[in-house]
Amino acid sequence: MSMIMLCLLCAVAMVVQPASAAPVGNLKPAENEELTLLFHGALQLGQALNSAYRSTEAQLTEARHSVDLYGRALGLLGQEVSQGWDAAQELRTSLLEIQTEEDTLKLQAEATAQALGEVAQGQQVLQDSMKQLEVRLRGAWLGHARQEFEALKAYAEEQSHIVWALTGHVQRQRREMEAQEYRLRQIQERLHTAALPA
């Protein structure tokens, strides 16, 4: 801005210099008036240019500030989007892990139920054998038959204990599966909520 003012003053000085070289007596009042108007116009032009320069500089500063704010907002938005994607990916991984665990638990429950059925069948066979032995032993309660009966009775009790333990195991597995399904539903709801637009 100071360069513009300097150029204007130089131009005015060059216009004034030839006039000042002439004798003072030859100057007409109109020329003095014109010079005054010229200086006054140059001064007003300089002030207007200075004001326009300051206004433009303030607008540019404000624009730079707005661009900086916009850039920061975009950066924060990018971070939030990235964190959202990371959270969604983590939820998907957890969901896959839970589904795998649930499949494993289902297989274990099916295998346990099958084993429980086989044990129950074996127990039924033992009970039938014990009833037959009791019928046979009613007439003759002798040593060998009695030992066989006691052994079968002990085996039947052992089988009953195994059935009881397996039943408890199946119930525990059922509770674990219900808990897994509840967790699975929660994660699916969180994934659905994360996928919705804000």
Protein backbone atom coordinates (compact mmCIF):
# COMPACT_ATOMS: atom_id res chain seq x y z
CA MET A 1 0.00 0.00 0.00
CA SER A 2 2.86 2.35 0.78
CA MET A 3 4.26 1.67 -2.73
CA ILE A 4 1.00 2.90 -4.31
CA MET A 5 1.11 6.07 -2.23
CA LEU A 6 4.75 6.60 -3.17
CA CYS A 7 3.94 6.22 -6.87
CA LEU A 8 1.07 8.70 -6.62
CA LEU A 9 3.23 11.25 -4.84
CA CYS A 10 5.95 10.85 -7.48
CA ALA A 11 3.41 11.42 -10.27
CA VAL A 12 2.08 14.53 -8.56
CA ALA A 13 5.62 15.79 -7.97
CA MET A 14 6.46 15.38 -11.64
CA VAL A 15 3.37 17.32 -12.66
CA VAL A 16 4.15 20.03 -10.15
CA GLN A 17 7.88 20.28 -10.99
CA PRO A 18 7.51 21.94 -14.40
CA ALA A 19 5.05 24.37 -12.93
CA SER A 20 7.39 25.24 -10.07
CA ALA A 21 10.29 25.82 -12.51
CA ALA A 22 8.38 28.72 -14.06
CA PRO A 23 8.52 32.06 -12.35
CA VAL A 24 6.06 32.46 -9.55
CA GLY A 25 4.64 35.59 -11.06
CA ASN A 26 3.52 33.68 -14.18
CA LEU A 27 1.32 31.25 -12.21
CA LYS A 28 -2.29 31.91 -12.56
CA PRO A 29 -4.69 31.45 -9.67
CA ALA A 30 -6.49 28.79 -11.69
CA GLU A 31 -3.33 26.68 -11.89
CA ASN A 32 -2.82 26.87 -8.13
CA GLU A 33 -6.39 25.82 -7.67
CA GLU A 34 -5.93 22.90 -10.05
CA LEU A 35 -2.83 21.79 -8.17
CA THR A 36 -4.70 21.99 -4.88
CA LEU A 37 -7.54 19.94 -6.35
CA LEU A 38 -5.03 17.45 -7.75
CA PHE A 39 -3.31 17.04 -4.37
CA HIS A 40 -6.67 16.81 -2.66
CA GLY A 41 -7.85 14.15 -5.17
CA ALA A 42 -4.61 12.20 -4.79
CA LEU A 43 -4.97 12.29 -1.02
CA GLN A 44 -8.58 11.10 -1.18
CA LEU A 45 -7.61 8.35 -3.64
CA GLY A 46 -4.83 7.23 -1.31
CA GLN A 47 -7.20 7.16 1.66
CA ALA A 48 -9.82 5.21 -0.35
CA LEU A 49 -7.19 2.72 -1.53
CA ASN A 50 -5.86 2.36 2.01
CA SER A 51 -9.40 1.74 3.34
CA ALA A 52 -10.13 -0.78 0.57
CA TYR A 53 -6.82 -2.52 1.29
CA ARG A 54 -7.59 -2.81 5.01
CA SER A 55 -11.12 -4.04 4.33
CA THR A 56 -9.83 -6.65 1.87
CA GLU A 57 -7.12 -7.72 4.31
CA ALA A 58 -9.72 -8.15 7.08
CA GLN A 59 -11.94 -10.19 4.75
CA LEU A 60 -9.00 -12.37 3.73
CA THR A 61 -8.08 -12.93 7.40
CA GLU A 62 -11.65 -13.88 8.17
CA ALA A 63 -11.77 -16.19 5.14
CA ARG A 64 -8.50 -17.87 6.24
CA HIS A 65 -9.96 -18.32 9.73
CA SER A 66 -13.14 -19.86 8.26
CA VAL A 67 -11.10 -22.20 6.05
CA ASP A 68 -9.05 -23.28 9.08
CA LEU A 69 -12.21 -23.97 11.07
CA TYR A 70 -13.69 -25.89 8.15
CA GLY A 71 -10.51 -27.93 7.82
CA ARG A 72 -10.51 -28.75 11.53
CA ALA A 73 -14.19 -29.74 11.38
CA LEU A 74 -13.48 -32.01 8.40
CA GLY A 75 -10.58 -33.56 10.28
CA LEU A 76 -12.73 -34.27 13.34
CA LEU A 77 -15.50 -35.67 11.15
CA GLY A 78 -12.97 -37.94 9.43
CA GLN A 79 -11.75 -39.19 12.81
CA GLU A 80 -15.30 -39.89 13.96
CA VAL A 81 -16.06 -41.78 10.74
CA SER A 82 -12.86 -43.78 11.11
CA GLN A 83 -13.66 -44.59 14.74
CA GLY A 84 -17.18 -45.59 13.71
CA TRP A 85 -15.81 -47.98 11.09
CA ASP A 86 -13.36 -49.43 13.62
CA ALA A 87 -16.14 -49.95 16.17
CA ALA A 88 -18.38 -51.58 13.56
CA GLN A 89 -15.54 -53.89 12.49
CA GLU A 90 -14.87 -54.81 16.12
CA LEU A 91 -18.56 -55.57 16.62
CA ARG A 92 -18.61 -57.75 13.49
CA THR A 93 -15.59 -59.68 14.78
CA SER A 94 -17.26 -60.16 18.18
CA LEU A 95 -20.43 -61.29 16.42
CA LEU A 96 -18.53 -63.92 14.42
CA GLU A 97 -16.78 -65.16 17.56
CA ILE A 98 -20.06 -65.44 19.45
CA GLN A 99 -21.71 -67.24 16.54
CA THR A 100 -18.79 -69.71 16.46
CA GLU A 101 -19.09 -70.26 20.22
CA GLU A 102 -22.84 -70.73 19.87
CA ASP A 103 -22.36 -73.32 17.11
CA THR A 104 -19.85 -75.17 19.29
CA LEU A 105 -22.24 -75.13 22.24
CA LYS A 106 -25.06 -76.44 20.06
CA LEU A 107 -22.87 -79.31 18.87
CA GLN A 108 -21.87 -80.10 22.45
CA ALA A 109 -25.49 -79.98 23.58
CA GLU A 110 -26.54 -82.32 20.78
CA ALA A 111 -23.73 -84.75 21.60
CA THR A 112 -24.59 -84.63 25.30
CA ALA A 113 -28.27 -85.17 24.62
CA GLN A 114 -27.43 -88.18 22.44
CA ALA A 115 -25.14 -89.60 25.14
CA LEU A 116 -27.83 -88.96 27.72
CA GLY A 117 -30.34 -90.88 25.60
CA GLU A 118 -27.96 -93.81 25.24
CA VAL A 119 -27.31 -93.84 29.00
CA ALA A 120 -31.03 -93.72 29.67
CA GLN A 121 -31.52 -96.73 27.38
CA GLY A 122 -28.73 -98.58 29.16
CA GLN A 123 -30.28 -97.76 32.50
CA GLN A 124 -33.61 -99.12 31.31
CA VAL A 125 -31.90 -102.33 30.23
CA LEU A 126 -30.26 -102.59 33.66
CA GLN A 127 -33.52 -102.04 35.45
CA ASP A 128 -35.15 -104.78 33.34
CA SER A 129 -32.25 -107.13 34.14
CA MET A 130 -32.57 -106.35 37.84
CA LYS A 131 -36.28 -107.11 37.77
CA GLN A 132 -35.59 -110.46 36.06
CA LEU A 133 -32.94 -111.26 38.65
CA GLU A 134 -35.26 -110.35 41.49
CA VAL A 135 -37.85 -112.76 40.07
CA ARG A 136 -35.25 -115.51 39.78
CA LEU A 137 -33.85 -114.87 43.24
CA ARG A 138 -37.15 -114.91 45.06
CA GLY A 139 -37.07 -118.69 45.27
CA ALA A 140 -33.33 -119.16 45.79
CA TRP A 141 -31.36 -116.35 47.42
CA LEU A 142 -27.96 -117.98 46.95
CA GLY A 143 -24.39 -116.61 46.89
CA HIS A 144 -23.50 -116.34 43.16
CA ALA A 145 -26.86 -114.97 42.08
CA ARG A 146 -26.85 -112.52 44.94
CA GLN A 147 -23.37 -111.24 44.01
CA GLU A 148 -24.51 -110.76 40.42
CA PHE A 149 -27.57 -108.90 41.63
CA GLU A 150 -25.52 -106.60 43.89
CA ALA A 151 -23.08 -105.89 41.07
CA LEU A 152 -25.90 -104.99 38.73
CA LYS A 153 -27.51 -102.87 41.39
CA ALA A 154 -24.25 -100.95 41.97
CA TYR A 155 -23.82 -100.50 38.22
CA ALA A 156 -27.39 -99.20 37.93
CA GLU A 157 -26.73 -96.68 40.71
CA GLU A 158 -23.56 -95.57 38.97
CA GLN A 159 -25.48 -95.13 35.71
CA SER A 160 -28.16 -93.16 37.56
CA HIS A 161 -25.45 -90.85 38.92
CA ILE A 162 -24.00 -90.39 35.41
CA VAL A 163 -27.45 -89.56 34.06
CA TRP A 164 -27.94 -87.05 36.85
CA ALA A 165 -24.54 -85.41 36.13
CA LEU A 166 -25.22 -85.32 32.40
CA THR A 167 -28.63 -83.77 32.97
CA GLY A 168 -27.01 -81.02 35.05
CA HIS A 169 -24.41 -80.51 32.31
CA VAL A 170 -27.13 -80.20 29.65
CA GLN A 171 -28.97 -77.63 31.77
CA ARG A 172 -25.77 -75.60 32.21
CA GLN A 173 -25.16 -75.71 28.47
CA ARG A 174 -28.72 -74.57 27.81
CA ARG A 175 -28.20 -71.59 30.13
CA GLU A 176 -24.91 -70.75 28.40
CA MET A 177 -26.60 -70.91 25.00
CA GLU A 178 -29.36 -68.59 26.18
CA ALA A 179 -26.74 -66.11 27.47
CA GLN A 180 -24.86 -66.33 24.15
CA GLU A 181 -28.03 -65.70 22.19
CA TYR A 182 -28.78 -62.67 24.36
CA ARG A 183 -25.27 -61.27 23.72
CA LEU A 184 -25.68 -61.99 20.02
CA ARG A 185 -28.94 -60.04 19.88
CA GLN A 186 -27.33 -57.09 21.69
CA ILE A 187 -24.40 -56.98 19.25
CA GLN A 188 -26.75 -57.22 16.26
CA GLU A 189 -28.77 -54.30 17.65
CA ARG A 190 -25.58 -52.27 18.14
CA LEU A 191 -24.47 -53.06 14.58
CA HIS A 192 -27.89 -52.05 13.26
CA THR A 193 -27.77 -48.81 15.26
CA ALA A 194 -24.21 -48.07 14.04
CA ALA A 195 -25.30 -48.64 10.43
CA LEU A 196 -28.16 -46.12 10.68
CA PRO A 197 -27.36 -42.63 9.31
CA ALA A 198 -26.84 -39.96 11.96
